[in-house]
Amino acid sequence: MTTTDPYRFDGGTGNLDGGTRSTGQRNQGALGATGDGVTRSDVVRTALWLVLVISTVGNMAASLGGAATQIHLVCGAVTALCATVLVTRHLRGRR
């Protein structure tokens, strides 16, 4: 009796289904996603999160180091801007 488990790896074929699928066809995965790369939206979201974290850490370091008020204002403005853009993108993506 042959197994029909789609997640079984029987080695060397390069396909998850035991080699019956042609190699030119894309594997859709468990959730049926057909995309095989990172989208521009993913890159923008990741960059926004990165800038948000950096500006927050910068603001915290400025507080601990006793920096000038202008540094706090710049870091706070960047943090607020990133948070606003992330929330806006999230709410628009729900439509």
Foldseek 3Di string as FASTA:
>chain_A
DDDQDQQDDPDDCPHSRPNPDDPVDDDLPDVRNPDDDDDPVNVVLVVLVVLLVVLVVQLVVCVVVVHDPVSNVVSVVSNVVSVVVNVVVVVVVVD
